[in-house]
Amino acid sequence: MGGLSEKISVFFDKNHDIAFLVFIGVFVFLLIGNILNWKWTYEPKSWVGYYWLDLLGPTAYRFWNAVILVVIIIILFIIYFHTY
């Protein structure tokens, strides 16, 4: 008796290209949330994140978080188009 998560896992195991696009979509969604100032998309989850937030301030922290997300998205697109 497979649950929904198991069915999704099996689907992504058979369709790596779709799984990769979903992975890219998650990062694009986080970037949009960062741009629209949705705090849950860029809120620190560890002491390291809080350190950088205190050091840079909220605006600069969001900016550099967005830059990192853009770089990740570009790298993932390059890998995707070279692989598939």
PDB file of N, CA and C in Angstrom:
ATOM      1  N   MET A   1       0.832  -1.181   0.000  1.00  0.00           N
ATOM      2  CA  MET A   1       0.000   0.000   0.000  1.00  0.00           C
ATOM      3  C   MET A   1       0.877   1.245   0.000  1.00  0.00           C
ATOM      4  N   GLY A   2       1.062   1.814  -1.143  1.00  0.00           N
ATOM      5  CA  GLY A   2       1.890   2.999  -1.248  1.00  0.00           C
ATOM      6  C   GLY A   2       1.079   4.255  -1.010  1.00  0.00           C
ATOM      7  N   GLY A   3       1.641   5.133  -0.243  1.00  0.00           N
ATOM      8  CA  GLY A   3       1.010   6.408  -0.011  1.00  0.00           C
ATOM      9  C   GLY A   3       1.338   7.383  -1.129  1.00  0.00           C
ATOM     10  N   LEU A   4       0.838   8.569  -0.990  1.00  0.00           N
ATOM     11  CA  LEU A   4       1.057   9.595  -2.005  1.00  0.00           C
ATOM     12  C   LEU A   4       2.534   9.930  -2.153  1.00  0.00           C
ATOM     13  N   SER A   5       3.239  10.033  -1.035  1.00  0.00           N
ATOM     14  CA  SER A   5       4.665  10.371  -1.116  1.00  0.00           C
ATOM     15  C   SER A   5       5.460   9.281  -1.830  1.00  0.00           C
ATOM     16  N   GLU A   6       5.064   8.030  -1.644  1.00  0.00           N
ATOM     17  CA  GLU A   6       5.752   6.936  -2.332  1.00  0.00           C
ATOM     18  C   GLU A   6       5.464   6.969  -3.831  1.00  0.00           C
ATOM     19  N   LYS A   7       4.228   7.309  -4.208  1.00  0.00           N
ATOM     20  CA  LYS A   7       3.874   7.413  -5.628  1.00  0.00           C
ATOM     21  C   LYS A   7       4.638   8.556  -6.291  1.00  0.00           C
ATOM     22  N   ILE A   8       4.759   9.669  -5.577  1.00  0.00           N
ATOM     23  CA  ILE A   8       5.521  10.801  -6.112  1.00  0.00           C
ATOM     24  C   ILE A   8       6.985  10.419  -6.265  1.00  0.00           C
ATOM     25  N   SER A   9       7.523   9.726  -5.279  1.00  0.00           N
ATOM     26  CA  SER A   9       8.920   9.289  -5.340  1.00  0.00           C
ATOM     27  C   SER A   9       9.161   8.357  -6.523  1.00  0.00           C
ATOM     28  N   VAL A  10       8.259   7.422  -6.752  1.00  0.00           N
ATOM     29  CA  VAL A  10       8.393   6.500  -7.884  1.00  0.00           C
ATOM     30  C   VAL A  10       8.292   7.260  -9.199  1.00  0.00           C
ATOM     31  N   PHE A  11       7.362   8.225  -9.278  1.00  0.00           N
ATOM     32  CA  PHE A  11       7.212   9.024 -10.495  1.00  0.00           C
ATOM     33  C   PHE A  11       8.485   9.796 -10.800  1.00  0.00           C
ATOM     34  N   PHE A  12       9.059  10.432  -9.785  1.00  0.00           N
ATOM     35  CA  PHE A  12      10.285  11.206 -10.000  1.00  0.00           C
ATOM     36  C   PHE A  12      11.478  10.300 -10.299  1.00  0.00           C
ATOM     37  N   ASP A  13      11.469   9.081  -9.766  1.00  0.00           N
ATOM     38  CA  ASP A  13      12.534   8.128 -10.099  1.00  0.00           C
ATOM     39  C   ASP A  13      12.504   7.759 -11.579  1.00  0.00           C
ATOM     40  N   LYS A  14      11.313   7.687 -12.150  1.00  0.00           N
ATOM     41  CA  LYS A  14      11.175   7.333 -13.564  1.00  0.00           C
ATOM     42  C   LYS A  14      11.349   8.535 -14.484  1.00  0.00           C
ATOM     43  N   ASN A  15      11.106   9.731 -13.978  1.00  0.00           N
ATOM     44  CA  ASN A  15      11.139  10.952 -14.790  1.00  0.00           C
ATOM     45  C   ASN A  15      12.104  11.959 -14.171  1.00  0.00           C
ATOM     46  N   HIS A  16      13.379  11.741 -14.376  1.00  0.00           N
ATOM     47  CA  HIS A  16      14.387  12.607 -13.765  1.00  0.00           C
ATOM     48  C   HIS A  16      14.310  14.033 -14.291  1.00  0.00           C
ATOM     49  N   ASP A  17      13.974  14.206 -15.557  1.00  0.00           N
ATOM     50  CA  ASP A  17      13.919  15.551 -16.121  1.00  0.00           C
ATOM     51  C   ASP A  17      12.811  16.372 -15.477  1.00  0.00           C
ATOM     52  N   ILE A  18      11.661  15.767 -15.224  1.00  0.00           N
ATOM     53  CA  ILE A  18      10.569  16.485 -14.568  1.00  0.00           C
ATOM     54  C   ILE A  18      10.938  16.799 -13.120  1.00  0.00           C
ATOM     55  N   ALA A  19      11.583  15.872 -12.453  1.00  0.00           N
ATOM     56  CA  ALA A  19      12.022  16.110 -11.076  1.00  0.00           C
ATOM     57  C   ALA A  19      12.994  17.282 -11.020  1.00  0.00           C
ATOM     58  N   PHE A  20      13.880  17.364 -12.001  1.00  0.00           N
ATOM     59  CA  PHE A  20      14.842  18.460 -12.041  1.00  0.00           C
ATOM     60  C   PHE A  20      14.131  19.793 -12.245  1.00  0.00           C
ATOM     61  N   LEU A  21      13.111  19.814 -13.127  1.00  0.00           N
ATOM     62  CA  LEU A  21      12.350  21.047 -13.352  1.00  0.00           C
ATOM     63  C   LEU A  21      11.567  21.456 -12.107  1.00  0.00           C
ATOM     64  N   VAL A  22      11.040  20.493 -11.373  1.00  0.00           N
ATOM     65  CA  VAL A  22      10.350  20.807 -10.118  1.00  0.00           C
ATOM     66  C   VAL A  22      11.337  21.402  -9.119  1.00  0.00           C
ATOM     67  N   PHE A  23      12.532  20.840  -9.063  1.00  0.00           N
ATOM     68  CA  PHE A  23      13.586  21.344  -8.186  1.00  0.00           C
ATOM     69  C   PHE A  23      13.922  22.798  -8.533  1.00  0.00           C
ATOM     70  N   ILE A  24      14.048  23.093  -9.827  1.00  0.00           N
ATOM     71  CA  ILE A  24      14.303  24.467 -10.272  1.00  0.00           C
ATOM     72  C   ILE A  24      13.126  25.358  -9.892  1.00  0.00           C
ATOM     73  N   GLY A  25      11.911  24.850 -10.067  1.00  0.00           N
ATOM     74  CA  GLY A  25      10.715  25.619  -9.733  1.00  0.00           C
ATOM     75  C   GLY A  25      10.646  26.008  -8.271  1.00  0.00           C
ATOM     76  N   VAL A  26      11.100  25.139  -7.400  1.00  0.00           N
ATOM     77  CA  VAL A  26      11.115  25.457  -5.964  1.00  0.00           C
ATOM     78  C   VAL A  26      12.047  26.639  -5.700  1.00  0.00           C
ATOM     79  N   PHE A  27      13.225  26.633  -6.335  1.00  0.00           N
ATOM     80  CA  PHE A  27      14.153  27.750  -6.142  1.00  0.00           C
ATOM     81  C   PHE A  27      13.611  29.042  -6.749  1.00  0.00           C
ATOM     82  N   VAL A  28      12.913  28.956  -7.875  1.00  0.00           N
ATOM     83  CA  VAL A  28      12.293  30.145  -8.472  1.00  0.00           C
ATOM     84  C   VAL A  28      11.207  30.679  -7.539  1.00  0.00           C
ATOM     85  N   PHE A  29      10.423  29.782  -6.946  1.00  0.00           N
ATOM     86  CA  PHE A  29       9.394  30.185  -5.992  1.00  0.00           C
ATOM     87  C   PHE A  29      10.010  30.892  -4.787  1.00  0.00           C
ATOM     88  N   LEU A  30      11.124  30.367  -4.277  1.00  0.00           N
ATOM     89  CA  LEU A  30      11.810  31.021  -3.159  1.00  0.00           C
ATOM     90  C   LEU A  30      12.344  32.392  -3.563  1.00  0.00           C
ATOM     91  N   LEU A  31      12.837  32.518  -4.795  1.00  0.00           N
ATOM     92  CA  LEU A  31      13.317  33.813  -5.278  1.00  0.00           C
ATOM     93  C   LEU A  31      12.170  34.814  -5.373  1.00  0.00           C
ATOM     94  N   ILE A  32      11.032  34.393  -5.897  1.00  0.00           N
ATOM     95  CA  ILE A  32       9.868  35.283  -5.977  1.00  0.00           C
ATOM     96  C   ILE A  32       9.439  35.705  -4.579  1.00  0.00           C
ATOM     97  N   GLY A  33       9.418  34.767  -3.647  1.00  0.00           N
ATOM     98  CA  GLY A  33       9.077  35.099  -2.267  1.00  0.00           C
ATOM     99  C   GLY A  33      10.055  36.071  -1.646  1.00  0.00           C
ATOM    100  N   ASN A  34      11.325  35.934  -1.977  1.00  0.00           N
ATOM    101  CA  ASN A  34      12.340  36.860  -1.481  1.00  0.00           C
ATOM    102  C   ASN A  34      12.103  38.255  -2.047  1.00  0.00           C
ATOM    103  N   ILE A  35      11.805  38.336  -3.329  1.00  0.00           N
ATOM    104  CA  ILE A  35      11.559  39.633  -3.966  1.00  0.00           C
ATOM    105  C   ILE A  35      10.306  40.291  -3.393  1.00  0.00           C
ATOM    106  N   LEU A  36       9.269  39.492  -3.127  1.00  0.00           N
ATOM    107  CA  LEU A  36       8.016  40.030  -2.594  1.00  0.00           C
ATOM    108  C   LEU A  36       8.028  40.184  -1.072  1.00  0.00           C
ATOM    109  N   ASN A  37       9.183  39.944  -0.457  1.00  0.00           N
ATOM    110  CA  ASN A  37       9.382  40.117   0.980  1.00  0.00           C
ATOM    111  C   ASN A  37       8.506  39.178   1.811  1.00  0.00           C
ATOM    112  N   TRP A  38       8.372  37.937   1.359  1.00  0.00           N
ATOM    113  CA  TRP A  38       7.719  36.929   2.179  1.00  0.00           C
ATOM    114  C   TRP A  38       8.765  36.434   3.162  1.00  0.00           C
ATOM    115  N   LYS A  39       8.603  36.788   4.427  1.00  0.00           N
ATOM    116  CA  LYS A  39       9.662  36.534   5.408  1.00  0.00           C
ATOM    117  C   LYS A  39      10.017  35.056   5.549  1.00  0.00           C
ATOM    118  N   TRP A  40       9.071  34.174   5.395  1.00  0.00           N
ATOM    119  CA  TRP A  40       9.361  32.752   5.585  1.00  0.00           C
ATOM    120  C   TRP A  40      10.296  32.213   4.516  1.00  0.00           C
ATOM    121  N   THR A  41      10.439  32.919   3.384  1.00  0.00           N
ATOM    122  CA  THR A  41      11.319  32.423   2.327  1.00  0.00           C
ATOM    123  C   THR A  41      12.785  32.757   2.573  1.00  0.00           C
ATOM    124  N   TYR A  42      13.051  33.767   3.380  1.00  0.00           N
ATOM    125  CA  TYR A  42      14.452  34.132   3.623  1.00  0.00           C
ATOM    126  C   TYR A  42      14.801  34.190   5.105  1.00  0.00           C
ATOM    127  N   GLU A  43      13.877  33.851   5.966  1.00  0.00           N
ATOM    128  CA  GLU A  43      14.141  33.894   7.403  1.00  0.00           C
ATOM    129  C   GLU A  43      15.205  32.858   7.773  1.00  0.00           C
ATOM    130  N   PRO A  44      16.202  33.259   8.567  1.00  0.00           N
ATOM    131  CA  PRO A  44      17.273  32.319   8.932  1.00  0.00           C
ATOM    132  C   PRO A  44      16.734  31.141   9.731  1.00  0.00           C
ATOM    133  N   LYS A  45      17.338  29.993   9.497  1.00  0.00           N
ATOM    134  CA  LYS A  45      16.928  28.776  10.204  1.00  0.00           C
ATOM    135  C   LYS A  45      18.008  28.277  11.163  1.00  0.00           C
ATOM    136  N   SER A  46      19.141  28.981  11.221  1.00  0.00           N
ATOM    137  CA  SER A  46      20.229  28.537  12.090  1.00  0.00           C
ATOM    138  C   SER A  46      20.935  29.761  12.667  1.00  0.00           C
ATOM    139  N   TRP A  47      21.863  29.499  13.570  1.00  0.00           N
ATOM    140  CA  TRP A  47      22.606  30.604  14.178  1.00  0.00           C
ATOM    141  C   TRP A  47      23.480  31.301  13.149  1.00  0.00           C
ATOM    142  N   VAL A  48      23.930  30.576  12.127  1.00  0.00           N
ATOM    143  CA  VAL A  48      24.761  31.194  11.088  1.00  0.00           C
ATOM    144  C   VAL A  48      23.938  32.214  10.310  1.00  0.00           C
ATOM    145  N   GLY A  49      22.707  31.844   9.977  1.00  0.00           N
ATOM    146  CA  GLY A  49      21.827  32.771   9.271  1.00  0.00           C
ATOM    147  C   GLY A  49      21.526  34.010  10.099  1.00  0.00           C
ATOM    148  N   TYR A  50      21.282  33.817  11.389  1.00  0.00           N
ATOM    149  CA  TYR A  50      21.031  34.969  12.261  1.00  0.00           C
ATOM    150  C   TYR A  50      22.275  35.844  12.400  1.00  0.00           C
ATOM    151  N   TYR A  51      23.449  35.226  12.373  1.00  0.00           N
ATOM    152  CA  TYR A  51      24.691  35.998  12.416  1.00  0.00           C
ATOM    153  C   TYR A  51      24.776  36.912  11.196  1.00  0.00           C
ATOM    154  N   TRP A  52      24.534  36.349  10.005  1.00  0.00           N
ATOM    155  CA  TRP A  52      24.604  37.155   8.780  1.00  0.00           C
ATOM    156  C   TRP A  52      23.507  38.208   8.747  1.00  0.00           C
ATOM    157  N   LEU A  53      22.322  37.883   9.271  1.00  0.00           N
ATOM    158  CA  LEU A  53      21.236  38.859   9.327  1.00  0.00           C
ATOM    159  C   LEU A  53      21.609  40.023  10.231  1.00  0.00           C
ATOM    160  N   ASP A  54      22.203  39.741  11.383  1.00  0.00           N
ATOM    161  CA  ASP A  54      22.644  40.806  12.287  1.00  0.00           C
ATOM    162  C   ASP A  54      23.787  41.612  11.686  1.00  0.00           C
ATOM    163  N   LEU A  55      24.689  40.946  10.984  1.00  0.00           N
ATOM    164  CA  LEU A  55      25.841  41.618  10.401  1.00  0.00           C
ATOM    165  C   LEU A  55      25.447  42.522   9.232  1.00  0.00           C
ATOM    166  N   LEU A  56      24.596  42.022   8.342  1.00  0.00           N
ATOM    167  CA  LEU A  56      24.259  42.753   7.118  1.00  0.00           C
ATOM    168  C   LEU A  56      23.031  43.638   7.244  1.00  0.00           C
ATOM    169  N   GLY A  57      22.116  43.285   8.119  1.00  0.00           N
ATOM    170  CA  GLY A  57      20.836  43.976   8.173  1.00  0.00           C
ATOM    171  C   GLY A  57      19.840  43.267   7.263  1.00  0.00           C
ATOM    172  N   PRO A  58      18.547  43.506   7.471  1.00  0.00           N
ATOM    173  CA  PRO A  58      17.529  42.760   6.722  1.00  0.00           C
ATOM    174  C   PRO A  58      17.566  42.988   5.207  1.00  0.00           C
ATOM    175  N   THR A  59      17.758  44.222   4.776  1.00  0.00           N
ATOM    176  CA  THR A  59      17.721  44.514   3.342  1.00  0.00           C
ATOM    177  C   THR A  59      18.901  43.891   2.609  1.00  0.00           C
ATOM    178  N   ALA A  60      20.093  44.064   3.132  1.00  0.00           N
ATOM    179  CA  ALA A  60      21.274  43.484   2.486  1.00  0.00           C
ATOM    180  C   ALA A  60      21.235  41.959   2.563  1.00  0.00           C
ATOM    181  N   TYR A  61      20.714  41.424   3.659  1.00  0.00           N
ATOM    182  CA  TYR A  61      20.597  39.969   3.786  1.00  0.00           C
ATOM    183  C   TYR A  61      19.664  39.416   2.714  1.00  0.00           C
ATOM    184  N   ARG A  62      18.515  40.086   2.512  1.00  0.00           N
ATOM    185  CA  ARG A  62      17.589  39.662   1.449  1.00  0.00           C
ATOM    186  C   ARG A  62      18.241  39.774   0.087  1.00  0.00           C
ATOM    187  N   PHE A  63      18.994  40.848  -0.158  1.00  0.00           N
ATOM    188  CA  PHE A  63      19.659  41.033  -1.449  1.00  0.00           C
ATOM    189  C   PHE A  63      20.624  39.890  -1.726  1.00  0.00           C
ATOM    190  N   TRP A  64      21.500  39.586  -0.767  1.00  0.00           N
ATOM    191  CA  TRP A  64      22.491  38.532  -0.987  1.00  0.00           C
ATOM    192  C   TRP A  64      21.846  37.154  -1.043  1.00  0.00           C
ATOM    193  N   ASN A  65      20.755  36.971  -0.324  1.00  0.00           N
ATOM    194  CA  ASN A  65      20.006  35.726  -0.428  1.00  0.00           C
ATOM    195  C   ASN A  65      19.445  35.572  -1.843  1.00  0.00           C
ATOM    196  N   ALA A  66      18.931  36.665  -2.406  1.00  0.00           N
ATOM    197  CA  ALA A  66      18.410  36.632  -3.779  1.00  0.00           C
ATOM    198  C   ALA A  66      19.527  36.374  -4.783  1.00  0.00           C
ATOM    199  N   VAL A  67      20.684  36.974  -4.571  1.00  0.00           N
ATOM    200  CA  VAL A  67      21.821  36.746  -5.476  1.00  0.00           C
ATOM    201  C   VAL A  67      22.215  35.267  -5.459  1.00  0.00           C
ATOM    202  N   ILE A  68      22.281  34.686  -4.277  1.00  0.00           N
ATOM    203  CA  ILE A  68      22.630  33.266  -4.166  1.00  0.00           C
ATOM    204  C   ILE A  68      21.584  32.401  -4.863  1.00  0.00           C
ATOM    205  N   LEU A  69      20.301  32.738  -4.692  1.00  0.00           N
ATOM    206  CA  LEU A  69      19.246  31.973  -5.358  1.00  0.00           C
ATOM    207  C   LEU A  69      19.352  32.078  -6.878  1.00  0.00           C
ATOM    208  N   VAL A  70      19.651  33.272  -7.391  1.00  0.00           N
ATOM    209  CA  VAL A  70      19.799  33.449  -8.841  1.00  0.00           C
ATOM    210  C   VAL A  70      20.966  32.612  -9.359  1.00  0.00           C
ATOM    211  N   VAL A  71      22.073  32.618  -8.647  1.00  0.00           N
ATOM    212  CA  VAL A  71      23.234  31.820  -9.062  1.00  0.00           C
ATOM    213  C   VAL A  71      22.877  30.332  -9.066  1.00  0.00           C
ATOM    214  N   ILE A  72      22.176  29.871  -8.036  1.00  0.00           N
ATOM    215  CA  ILE A  72      21.764  28.464  -7.982  1.00  0.00           C
ATOM    216  C   ILE A  72      20.848  28.123  -9.152  1.00  0.00           C
ATOM    217  N   ILE A  73      19.890  29.008  -9.450  1.00  0.00           N
ATOM    218  CA  ILE A  73      18.958  28.760 -10.557  1.00  0.00           C
ATOM    219  C   ILE A  73      19.703  28.702 -11.884  1.00  0.00           C
ATOM    220  N   ILE A  74      20.642  29.602 -12.097  1.00  0.00           N
ATOM    221  CA  ILE A  74      21.423  29.594 -13.343  1.00  0.00           C
ATOM    222  C   ILE A  74      22.227  28.302 -13.465  1.00  0.00           C
ATOM    223  N   ILE A  75      22.878  27.900 -12.386  1.00  0.00           N
ATOM    224  CA  ILE A  75      23.657  26.655 -12.411  1.00  0.00           C
ATOM    225  C   ILE A  75      22.752  25.458 -12.703  1.00  0.00           C
ATOM    226  N   LEU A  76      21.579  25.421 -12.078  1.00  0.00           N
ATOM    227  CA  LEU A  76      20.661  24.306 -12.315  1.00  0.00           C
ATOM    228  C   LEU A  76      20.166  24.281 -13.755  1.00  0.00           C
ATOM    229  N   PHE A  77      19.883  25.464 -14.338  1.00  0.00           N
ATOM    230  CA  PHE A  77      19.469  25.507 -15.744  1.00  0.00           C
ATOM    231  C   PHE A  77      20.590  25.031 -16.658  1.00  0.00           C
ATOM    232  N   ILE A  78      21.812  25.429 -16.378  1.00  0.00           N
ATOM    233  CA  ILE A  78      22.949  24.979 -17.198  1.00  0.00           C
ATOM    234  C   ILE A  78      23.080  23.460 -17.120  1.00  0.00           C
ATOM    235  N   ILE A  79      23.000  22.918 -15.917  1.00  0.00           N
ATOM    236  CA  ILE A  79      23.086  21.462 -15.760  1.00  0.00           C
ATOM    237  C   ILE A  79      21.928  20.780 -16.486  1.00  0.00           C
ATOM    238  N   TYR A  80      20.728  21.343 -16.353  1.00  0.00           N
ATOM    239  CA  TYR A  80      19.554  20.741 -16.997  1.00  0.00           C
ATOM    240  C   TYR A  80      19.717  20.699 -18.513  1.00  0.00           C
ATOM    241  N   PHE A  81      20.113  21.821 -19.121  1.00  0.00           N
ATOM    242  CA  PHE A  81      20.200  21.862 -20.578  1.00  0.00           C
ATOM    243  C   PHE A  81      21.384  21.069 -21.121  1.00  0.00           C
ATOM    244  N   HIS A  82      22.416  20.870 -20.323  1.00  0.00           N
ATOM    245  CA  HIS A  82      23.522  20.021 -20.762  1.00  0.00           C
ATOM    246  C   HIS A  82      23.191  18.538 -20.606  1.00  0.00           C
ATOM    247  N   THR A  83      22.316  18.220 -19.666  1.00  0.00           N
ATOM    248  CA  THR A  83      21.980  16.826 -19.399  1.00  0.00           C
ATOM    249  C   THR A  83      20.806  16.338 -20.244  1.00  0.00           C
ATOM    250  N   TYR A  84      19.782  17.179 -20.380  1.00  0.00           N
ATOM    251  CA  TYR A  84      18.571  16.747 -21.080  1.00  0.00           C
ATOM    252  C   TYR A  84      18.450  17.527 -22.352  1.00  0.00           C
TER     253      TYR A  84
END
